[in-house]
Amino acid sequence: MSEVSHCCCKVLVDLAVIPMGGNGLDELVFASFETVQRHGGAQWWLSVSTCQICRQDWMIAQDERIYDNYYIRRIAAETKRDIVEWDLWPDEFLTYEKVLRLGRSYGRYFKFVDSCSPALVTTIFDLRQERPDISIEEMADLLHISVPHTVGLLAG
Protein backbone atom coordinates (compact mmCIF):
# COMPACT_ATOMS: atom_id res chain seq x y z
CA MET A 1 0.00 0.00 0.00
CA SER A 2 1.38 3.40 -0.93
CA GLU A 3 1.73 6.05 1.72
CA VAL A 4 -1.05 8.64 1.74
CA SER A 5 -0.14 12.23 2.61
CA HIS A 6 -3.53 13.94 2.40
CA CYS A 7 -7.06 13.53 3.67
CA CYS A 8 -10.47 14.89 2.73
CA CYS A 9 -11.95 15.01 6.24
CA LYS A 10 -11.94 18.79 6.60
CA VAL A 11 -14.00 19.29 3.46
CA LEU A 12 -16.54 16.56 4.20
CA VAL A 13 -19.84 17.43 5.89
CA ASP A 14 -20.74 15.54 9.07
CA LEU A 15 -22.98 13.17 7.09
CA ALA A 16 -21.52 12.74 3.63
CA VAL A 17 -22.84 10.71 0.72
CA ILE A 18 -20.02 9.33 -1.39
CA PRO A 19 -20.99 7.65 -4.70
CA MET A 20 -19.25 4.35 -5.44
CA GLY A 21 -16.94 4.28 -8.43
CA GLY A 22 -17.43 6.57 -11.35
CA ASN A 23 -15.53 9.78 -10.71
CA GLY A 24 -13.10 8.26 -8.18
CA LEU A 25 -14.30 10.38 -5.24
CA ASP A 26 -14.69 7.26 -3.12
CA GLU A 27 -11.06 6.27 -3.72
CA LEU A 28 -9.88 9.77 -2.86
CA VAL A 29 -11.92 9.97 0.36
CA PHE A 30 -11.10 6.46 1.57
CA ALA A 31 -7.40 6.55 0.65
CA SER A 32 -6.49 7.73 4.16
CA PHE A 33 -9.10 5.62 6.03
CA GLU A 34 -8.29 2.46 7.93
CA THR A 35 -11.07 0.15 9.05
CA VAL A 36 -11.10 -0.14 12.85
CA GLN A 37 -14.25 -2.22 13.40
CA ARG A 38 -16.76 -4.03 11.23
CA HIS A 39 -20.18 -4.73 12.64
CA GLY A 40 -20.56 -7.89 10.62
CA GLY A 41 -23.36 -10.42 10.92
CA ALA A 42 -26.78 -9.09 9.98
CA GLN A 43 -25.31 -5.56 9.69
CA TRP A 44 -22.73 -6.51 7.05
CA TRP A 45 -22.82 -2.97 5.60
CA LEU A 46 -21.65 -1.18 8.76
CA SER A 47 -18.13 -0.28 9.88
CA VAL A 48 -15.98 2.33 11.59
CA SER A 49 -12.81 3.78 10.10
CA THR A 50 -10.21 6.28 11.24
CA CYS A 51 -8.40 8.69 8.96
CA GLN A 52 -4.70 7.92 9.29
CA ILE A 53 -3.77 11.56 8.61
CA CYS A 54 -6.04 13.66 10.87
CA ARG A 55 -7.31 10.83 13.17
CA GLN A 56 -10.99 11.68 12.52
CA ASP A 57 -13.32 8.73 13.14
CA TRP A 58 -16.13 7.85 10.72
CA MET A 59 -19.05 5.42 10.85
CA ILE A 60 -19.64 4.04 7.37
CA ALA A 61 -22.67 2.39 5.80
CA GLN A 62 -21.99 0.76 2.45
CA ASP A 63 -24.87 0.19 0.03
CA GLU A 64 -23.64 -1.52 -3.09
CA ARG A 65 -26.96 -3.23 -3.74
CA ILE A 66 -29.44 -0.49 -4.56
CA TYR A 67 -28.06 3.08 -4.59
CA ASP A 68 -24.29 2.44 -4.85
CA ASN A 69 -23.30 4.90 -2.14
CA TYR A 70 -21.26 5.10 1.00
CA TYR A 71 -22.88 7.09 3.80
CA ILE A 72 -20.29 8.33 6.23
CA ARG A 73 -20.98 9.97 9.58
CA ARG A 74 -18.29 11.89 11.44
CA ILE A 75 -18.21 10.47 14.99
CA ALA A 76 -16.56 11.50 18.24
CA ALA A 77 -13.75 9.47 19.77
CA GLU A 78 -16.13 8.46 22.59
CA THR A 79 -18.59 6.98 20.09
CA LYS A 80 -15.80 5.00 18.45
CA ARG A 81 -14.68 3.76 21.87
CA ASP A 82 -18.24 2.63 22.69
CA ILE A 83 -18.36 0.72 19.40
CA VAL A 84 -14.94 -0.92 19.71
CA GLU A 85 -15.03 -1.70 23.44
CA TRP A 86 -18.72 -2.34 24.06
CA ASP A 87 -20.26 -3.04 20.63
CA LEU A 88 -22.61 -0.08 21.18
CA TRP A 89 -23.42 1.27 17.73
CA PRO A 90 -25.45 4.43 17.11
CA ASP A 91 -28.88 3.74 15.58
CA GLU A 92 -28.36 5.81 12.45
CA PHE A 93 -27.20 3.01 10.11
CA LEU A 94 -28.17 0.01 12.23
CA THR A 95 -30.88 -1.26 9.87
CA TYR A 96 -30.62 -1.61 6.13
CA GLU A 97 -33.97 0.16 5.91
CA LYS A 98 -32.38 3.28 7.44
CA VAL A 99 -29.50 3.05 4.99
CA LEU A 100 -31.91 2.75 2.05
CA ARG A 101 -33.90 5.74 3.33
CA LEU A 102 -30.72 7.79 3.08
CA GLY A 103 -30.18 6.53 -0.45
CA ARG A 104 -33.76 7.30 -1.40
CA SER A 105 -33.52 10.81 0.03
CA TYR A 106 -30.26 11.42 -1.82
CA GLY A 107 -32.19 11.27 -5.08
CA ARG A 108 -29.84 9.40 -7.40
CA TYR A 109 -31.82 6.46 -8.81
CA PHE A 110 -30.88 3.57 -11.00
CA LYS A 111 -33.06 1.39 -13.15
CA PHE A 112 -32.01 -2.22 -12.95
CA VAL A 113 -31.41 -3.79 -16.36
CA ASP A 114 -32.55 -7.08 -14.85
CA SER A 115 -35.94 -6.33 -13.28
CA CYS A 116 -35.53 -9.47 -11.15
CA SER A 117 -32.01 -8.59 -10.07
CA PRO A 118 -30.73 -10.67 -7.17
CA ALA A 119 -29.89 -7.38 -5.41
CA LEU A 120 -33.58 -6.38 -5.45
CA VAL A 121 -34.81 -9.82 -4.41
CA THR A 122 -32.30 -10.20 -1.58
CA THR A 123 -32.97 -6.68 -0.32
CA ILE A 124 -36.74 -7.19 -0.28
CA PHE A 125 -36.37 -10.31 1.81
CA ASP A 126 -33.81 -8.65 4.09
CA LEU A 127 -36.20 -5.74 4.66
CA ARG A 128 -39.01 -8.16 5.50
CA GLN A 129 -36.74 -10.05 7.90
CA GLU A 130 -35.59 -6.84 9.60
CA ARG A 131 -39.12 -5.56 9.99
CA PRO A 132 -41.82 -8.16 9.30
CA ASP A 133 -44.58 -5.52 9.29
CA ILE A 134 -42.99 -3.39 6.56
CA SER A 135 -45.56 -2.71 3.88
CA ILE A 136 -45.17 -3.51 0.22
CA GLU A 137 -45.60 0.20 -0.50
CA GLU A 138 -42.73 1.08 1.87
CA MET A 139 -40.46 -1.50 0.24
CA ALA A 140 -41.35 -0.26 -3.23
CA ASP A 141 -40.58 3.31 -2.19
CA LEU A 142 -37.25 2.37 -0.58
CA LEU A 143 -36.17 0.50 -3.71
CA HIS A 144 -37.63 3.07 -6.11
CA ILE A 145 -39.68 0.44 -7.93
CA SER A 146 -43.42 0.03 -8.48
CA VAL A 147 -45.75 -1.73 -6.06
CA PRO A 148 -46.69 -4.39 -8.68
CA HIS A 149 -42.98 -5.01 -9.34
CA THR A 150 -42.40 -5.43 -5.59
CA VAL A 151 -45.34 -7.87 -5.33
CA GLY A 152 -43.90 -9.86 -8.24
CA LEU A 153 -40.46 -10.05 -6.61
CA LEU A 154 -42.00 -11.23 -3.34
CA ALA A 155 -43.96 -13.92 -5.18
CA GLY A 156 -40.75 -15.23 -6.72
C-alpha atoms as a PDB file:
ATOM      1  CA  MET A   1       0.000   0.000   0.000  1.00  0.00           C
ATOM      2  CA  SER A   2       1.379   3.397  -0.926  1.00  0.00           C
ATOM      3  CA  GLU A   3       1.730   6.052   1.724  1.00  0.00           C
ATOM      4  CA  VAL A   4      -1.047   8.641   1.740  1.00  0.00           C
ATOM      5  CA  SER A   5      -0.139  12.225   2.605  1.00  0.00           C
ATOM      6  CA  HIS A   6      -3.525  13.935   2.400  1.00  0.00           C
ATOM      7  CA  CYS A   7      -7.058  13.526   3.667  1.00  0.00           C
ATOM      8  CA  CYS A   8     -10.467  14.889   2.727  1.00  0.00           C
ATOM      9  CA  CYS A   9     -11.952  15.008   6.236  1.00  0.00           C
ATOM     10  CA  LYS A  10     -11.941  18.791   6.600  1.00  0.00           C
ATOM     11  CA  VAL A  11     -14.001  19.295   3.457  1.00  0.00           C
ATOM     12  CA  LEU A  12     -16.544  16.563   4.199  1.00  0.00           C
ATOM     13  CA  VAL A  13     -19.842  17.430   5.886  1.00  0.00           C
ATOM     14  CA  ASP A  14     -20.742  15.543   9.066  1.00  0.00           C
ATOM     15  CA  LEU A  15     -22.984  13.171   7.086  1.00  0.00           C
ATOM     16  CA  ALA A  16     -21.525  12.742   3.635  1.00  0.00           C
ATOM     17  CA  VAL A  17     -22.844  10.707   0.724  1.00  0.00           C
ATOM     18  CA  ILE A  18     -20.021   9.332  -1.393  1.00  0.00           C
ATOM     19  CA  PRO A  19     -20.990   7.648  -4.698  1.00  0.00           C
ATOM     20  CA  MET A  20     -19.251   4.352  -5.437  1.00  0.00           C
ATOM     21  CA  GLY A  21     -16.942   4.280  -8.428  1.00  0.00           C
ATOM     22  CA  GLY A  22     -17.430   6.566 -11.351  1.00  0.00           C
ATOM     23  CA  ASN A  23     -15.528   9.776 -10.709  1.00  0.00           C
ATOM     24  CA  GLY A  24     -13.101   8.264  -8.177  1.00  0.00           C
ATOM     25  CA  LEU A  25     -14.296  10.385  -5.241  1.00  0.00           C
ATOM     26  CA  ASP A  26     -14.694   7.258  -3.121  1.00  0.00           C
ATOM     27  CA  GLU A  27     -11.064   6.266  -3.724  1.00  0.00           C
ATOM     28  CA  LEU A  28      -9.883   9.772  -2.863  1.00  0.00           C
ATOM     29  CA  VAL A  29     -11.916   9.967   0.357  1.00  0.00           C
ATOM     30  CA  PHE A  30     -11.097   6.460   1.571  1.00  0.00           C
ATOM     31  CA  ALA A  31      -7.398   6.554   0.651  1.00  0.00           C
ATOM     32  CA  SER A  32      -6.492   7.733   4.159  1.00  0.00           C
ATOM     33  CA  PHE A  33      -9.095   5.620   6.029  1.00  0.00           C
ATOM     34  CA  GLU A  34      -8.286   2.461   7.929  1.00  0.00           C
ATOM     35  CA  THR A  35     -11.074   0.154   9.054  1.00  0.00           C
ATOM     36  CA  VAL A  36     -11.102  -0.143  12.847  1.00  0.00           C
ATOM     37  CA  GLN A  37     -14.250  -2.223  13.403  1.00  0.00           C
ATOM     38  CA  ARG A  38     -16.764  -4.029  11.231  1.00  0.00           C
ATOM     39  CA  HIS A  39     -20.182  -4.729  12.640  1.00  0.00           C
ATOM     40  CA  GLY A  40     -20.562  -7.893  10.620  1.00  0.00           C
ATOM     41  CA  GLY A  41     -23.360 -10.416  10.917  1.00  0.00           C
ATOM     42  CA  ALA A  42     -26.783  -9.093   9.980  1.00  0.00           C
ATOM     43  CA  GLN A  43     -25.309  -5.561   9.690  1.00  0.00           C
ATOM     44  CA  TRP A  44     -22.731  -6.512   7.052  1.00  0.00           C
ATOM     45  CA  TRP A  45     -22.822  -2.971   5.596  1.00  0.00           C
ATOM     46  CA  LEU A  46     -21.651  -1.179   8.755  1.00  0.00           C
ATOM     47  CA  SER A  47     -18.130  -0.280   9.878  1.00  0.00           C
ATOM     48  CA  VAL A  48     -15.979   2.334  11.592  1.00  0.00           C
ATOM     49  CA  SER A  49     -12.813   3.782  10.096  1.00  0.00           C
ATOM     50  CA  THR A  50     -10.215   6.282  11.239  1.00  0.00           C
ATOM     51  CA  CYS A  51      -8.396   8.689   8.962  1.00  0.00           C
ATOM     52  CA  GLN A  52      -4.699   7.916   9.285  1.00  0.00           C
ATOM     53  CA  ILE A  53      -3.772  11.557   8.607  1.00  0.00           C
ATOM     54  CA  CYS A  54      -6.039  13.655  10.866  1.00  0.00           C
ATOM     55  CA  ARG A  55      -7.314  10.829  13.172  1.00  0.00           C
ATOM     56  CA  GLN A  56     -10.995  11.684  12.522  1.00  0.00           C
ATOM     57  CA  ASP A  57     -13.320   8.729  13.136  1.00  0.00           C
ATOM     58  CA  TRP A  58     -16.135   7.845  10.718  1.00  0.00           C
ATOM     59  CA  MET A  59     -19.047   5.424  10.855  1.00  0.00           C
ATOM     60  CA  ILE A  60     -19.641   4.042   7.373  1.00  0.00           C
ATOM     61  CA  ALA A  61     -22.675   2.391   5.799  1.00  0.00           C
ATOM     62  CA  GLN A  62     -21.991   0.756   2.453  1.00  0.00           C
ATOM     63  CA  ASP A  63     -24.873   0.189   0.033  1.00  0.00           C
ATOM     64  CA  GLU A  64     -23.636  -1.522  -3.088  1.00  0.00           C
ATOM     65  CA  ARG A  65     -26.964  -3.232  -3.739  1.00  0.00           C
ATOM     66  CA  ILE A  66     -29.440  -0.485  -4.564  1.00  0.00           C
ATOM     67  CA  TYR A  67     -28.059   3.083  -4.586  1.00  0.00           C
ATOM     68  CA  ASP A  68     -24.291   2.438  -4.845  1.00  0.00           C
ATOM     69  CA  ASN A  69     -23.298   4.898  -2.141  1.00  0.00           C
ATOM     70  CA  TYR A  70     -21.259   5.095   1.000  1.00  0.00           C
ATOM     71  CA  TYR A  71     -22.883   7.091   3.801  1.00  0.00           C
ATOM     72  CA  ILE A  72     -20.292   8.327   6.234  1.00  0.00           C
ATOM     73  CA  ARG A  73     -20.975   9.974   9.578  1.00  0.00           C
ATOM     74  CA  ARG A  74     -18.287  11.890  11.443  1.00  0.00           C
ATOM     75  CA  ILE A  75     -18.207  10.473  14.992  1.00  0.00           C
ATOM     76  CA  ALA A  76     -16.559  11.496  18.236  1.00  0.00           C
ATOM     77  CA  ALA A  77     -13.751   9.471  19.770  1.00  0.00           C
ATOM     78  CA  GLU A  78     -16.132   8.458  22.587  1.00  0.00           C
ATOM     79  CA  THR A  79     -18.585   6.984  20.088  1.00  0.00           C
ATOM     80  CA  LYS A  80     -15.796   5.004  18.451  1.00  0.00           C
ATOM     81  CA  ARG A  81     -14.684   3.763  21.865  1.00  0.00           C
ATOM     82  CA  ASP A  82     -18.239   2.626  22.685  1.00  0.00           C
ATOM     83  CA  ILE A  83     -18.359   0.721  19.402  1.00  0.00           C
ATOM     84  CA  VAL A  84     -14.938  -0.916  19.708  1.00  0.00           C
ATOM     85  CA  GLU A  85     -15.031  -1.705  23.437  1.00  0.00           C
ATOM     86  CA  TRP A  86     -18.721  -2.341  24.065  1.00  0.00           C
ATOM     87  CA  ASP A  87     -20.255  -3.039  20.630  1.00  0.00           C
ATOM     88  CA  LEU A  88     -22.608  -0.076  21.183  1.00  0.00           C
ATOM     89  CA  TRP A  89     -23.419   1.268  17.733  1.00  0.00           C
ATOM     90  CA  PRO A  90     -25.451   4.430  17.106  1.00  0.00           C
ATOM     91  CA  ASP A  91     -28.883   3.738  15.584  1.00  0.00           C
ATOM     92  CA  GLU A  92     -28.364   5.811  12.454  1.00  0.00           C
ATOM     93  CA  PHE A  93     -27.202   3.012  10.111  1.00  0.00           C
ATOM     94  CA  LEU A  94     -28.173   0.012  12.233  1.00  0.00           C
ATOM     95  CA  THR A  95     -30.875  -1.261   9.874  1.00  0.00           C
ATOM     96  CA  TYR A  96     -30.625  -1.611   6.131  1.00  0.00           C
ATOM     97  CA  GLU A  97     -33.973   0.157   5.910  1.00  0.00           C
ATOM     98  CA  LYS A  98     -32.382   3.282   7.436  1.00  0.00           C
ATOM     99  CA  VAL A  99     -29.503   3.046   4.986  1.00  0.00           C
ATOM    100  CA  LEU A 100     -31.908   2.748   2.050  1.00  0.00           C
ATOM    101  CA  ARG A 101     -33.903   5.737   3.328  1.00  0.00           C
ATOM    102  CA  LEU A 102     -30.720   7.786   3.076  1.00  0.00           C
ATOM    103  CA  GLY A 103     -30.182   6.528  -0.453  1.00  0.00           C
ATOM    104  CA  ARG A 104     -33.764   7.297  -1.400  1.00  0.00           C
ATOM    105  CA  SER A 105     -33.518  10.814   0.034  1.00  0.00           C
ATOM    106  CA  TYR A 106     -30.257  11.420  -1.824  1.00  0.00           C
ATOM    107  CA  GLY A 107     -32.193  11.271  -5.082  1.00  0.00           C
ATOM    108  CA  ARG A 108     -29.837   9.398  -7.403  1.00  0.00           C
ATOM    109  CA  TYR A 109     -31.819   6.463  -8.811  1.00  0.00           C
ATOM    110  CA  PHE A 110     -30.878   3.570 -11.000  1.00  0.00           C
ATOM    111  CA  LYS A 111     -33.062   1.388 -13.147  1.00  0.00           C
ATOM    112  CA  PHE A 112     -32.008  -2.221 -12.946  1.00  0.00           C
ATOM    113  CA  VAL A 113     -31.411  -3.789 -16.363  1.00  0.00           C
ATOM    114  CA  ASP A 114     -32.549  -7.079 -14.846  1.00  0.00           C
ATOM    115  CA  SER A 115     -35.936  -6.325 -13.278  1.00  0.00           C
ATOM    116  CA  CYS A 116     -35.531  -9.473 -11.152  1.00  0.00           C
ATOM    117  CA  SER A 117     -32.010  -8.588 -10.071  1.00  0.00           C
ATOM    118  CA  PRO A 118     -30.729 -10.669  -7.166  1.00  0.00           C
ATOM    119  CA  ALA A 119     -29.890  -7.375  -5.406  1.00  0.00           C
ATOM    120  CA  LEU A 120     -33.576  -6.383  -5.448  1.00  0.00           C
ATOM    121  CA  VAL A 121     -34.810  -9.816  -4.415  1.00  0.00           C
ATOM    122  CA  THR A 122     -32.296 -10.197  -1.576  1.00  0.00           C
ATOM    123  CA  THR A 123     -32.967  -6.680  -0.321  1.00  0.00           C
ATOM    124  CA  ILE A 124     -36.742  -7.188  -0.283  1.00  0.00           C
ATOM    125  CA  PHE A 125     -36.375 -10.312   1.807  1.00  0.00           C
ATOM    126  CA  ASP A 126     -33.810  -8.651   4.085  1.00  0.00           C
ATOM    127  CA  LEU A 127     -36.201  -5.738   4.663  1.00  0.00           C
ATOM    128  CA  ARG A 128     -39.011  -8.160   5.498  1.00  0.00           C
ATOM    129  CA  GLN A 129     -36.741 -10.046   7.900  1.00  0.00           C
ATOM    130  CA  GLU A 130     -35.586  -6.836   9.600  1.00  0.00           C
ATOM    131  CA  ARG A 131     -39.115  -5.557   9.991  1.00  0.00           C
ATOM    132  CA  PRO A 132     -41.818  -8.159   9.301  1.00  0.00           C
ATOM    133  CA  ASP A 133     -44.579  -5.524   9.294  1.00  0.00           C
ATOM    134  CA  ILE A 134     -42.993  -3.390   6.564  1.00  0.00           C
ATOM    135  CA  SER A 135     -45.562  -2.712   3.880  1.00  0.00           C
ATOM    136  CA  ILE A 136     -45.171  -3.507   0.217  1.00  0.00           C
ATOM    137  CA  GLU A 137     -45.598   0.204  -0.496  1.00  0.00           C
ATOM    138  CA  GLU A 138     -42.733   1.075   1.868  1.00  0.00           C
ATOM    139  CA  MET A 139     -40.462  -1.505   0.238  1.00  0.00           C
ATOM    140  CA  ALA A 140     -41.353  -0.258  -3.235  1.00  0.00           C
ATOM    141  CA  ASP A 141     -40.583   3.309  -2.188  1.00  0.00           C
ATOM    142  CA  LEU A 142     -37.246   2.371  -0.583  1.00  0.00           C
ATOM    143  CA  LEU A 143     -36.171   0.498  -3.712  1.00  0.00           C
ATOM    144  CA  HIS A 144     -37.626   3.074  -6.113  1.00  0.00           C
ATOM    145  CA  ILE A 145     -39.676   0.438  -7.932  1.00  0.00           C
ATOM    146  CA  SER A 146     -43.418   0.034  -8.476  1.00  0.00           C
ATOM    147  CA  VAL A 147     -45.751  -1.728  -6.061  1.00  0.00           C
ATOM    148  CA  PRO A 148     -46.689  -4.394  -8.677  1.00  0.00           C
ATOM    149  CA  HIS A 149     -42.979  -5.007  -9.336  1.00  0.00           C
ATOM    150  CA  THR A 150     -42.401  -5.430  -5.586  1.00  0.00           C
ATOM    151  CA  VAL A 151     -45.338  -7.870  -5.332  1.00  0.00           C
ATOM    152  CA  GLY A 152     -43.897  -9.859  -8.239  1.00  0.00           C
ATOM    153  CA  LEU A 153     -40.462 -10.048  -6.609  1.00  0.00           C
ATOM    154  CA  LEU A 154     -42.003 -11.230  -3.342  1.00  0.00           C
ATOM    155  CA  ALA A 155     -43.959 -13.918  -5.178  1.00  0.00           C
ATOM    156  CA  GLY A 156     -40.754 -15.234  -6.717  1.00  0.00           C
END
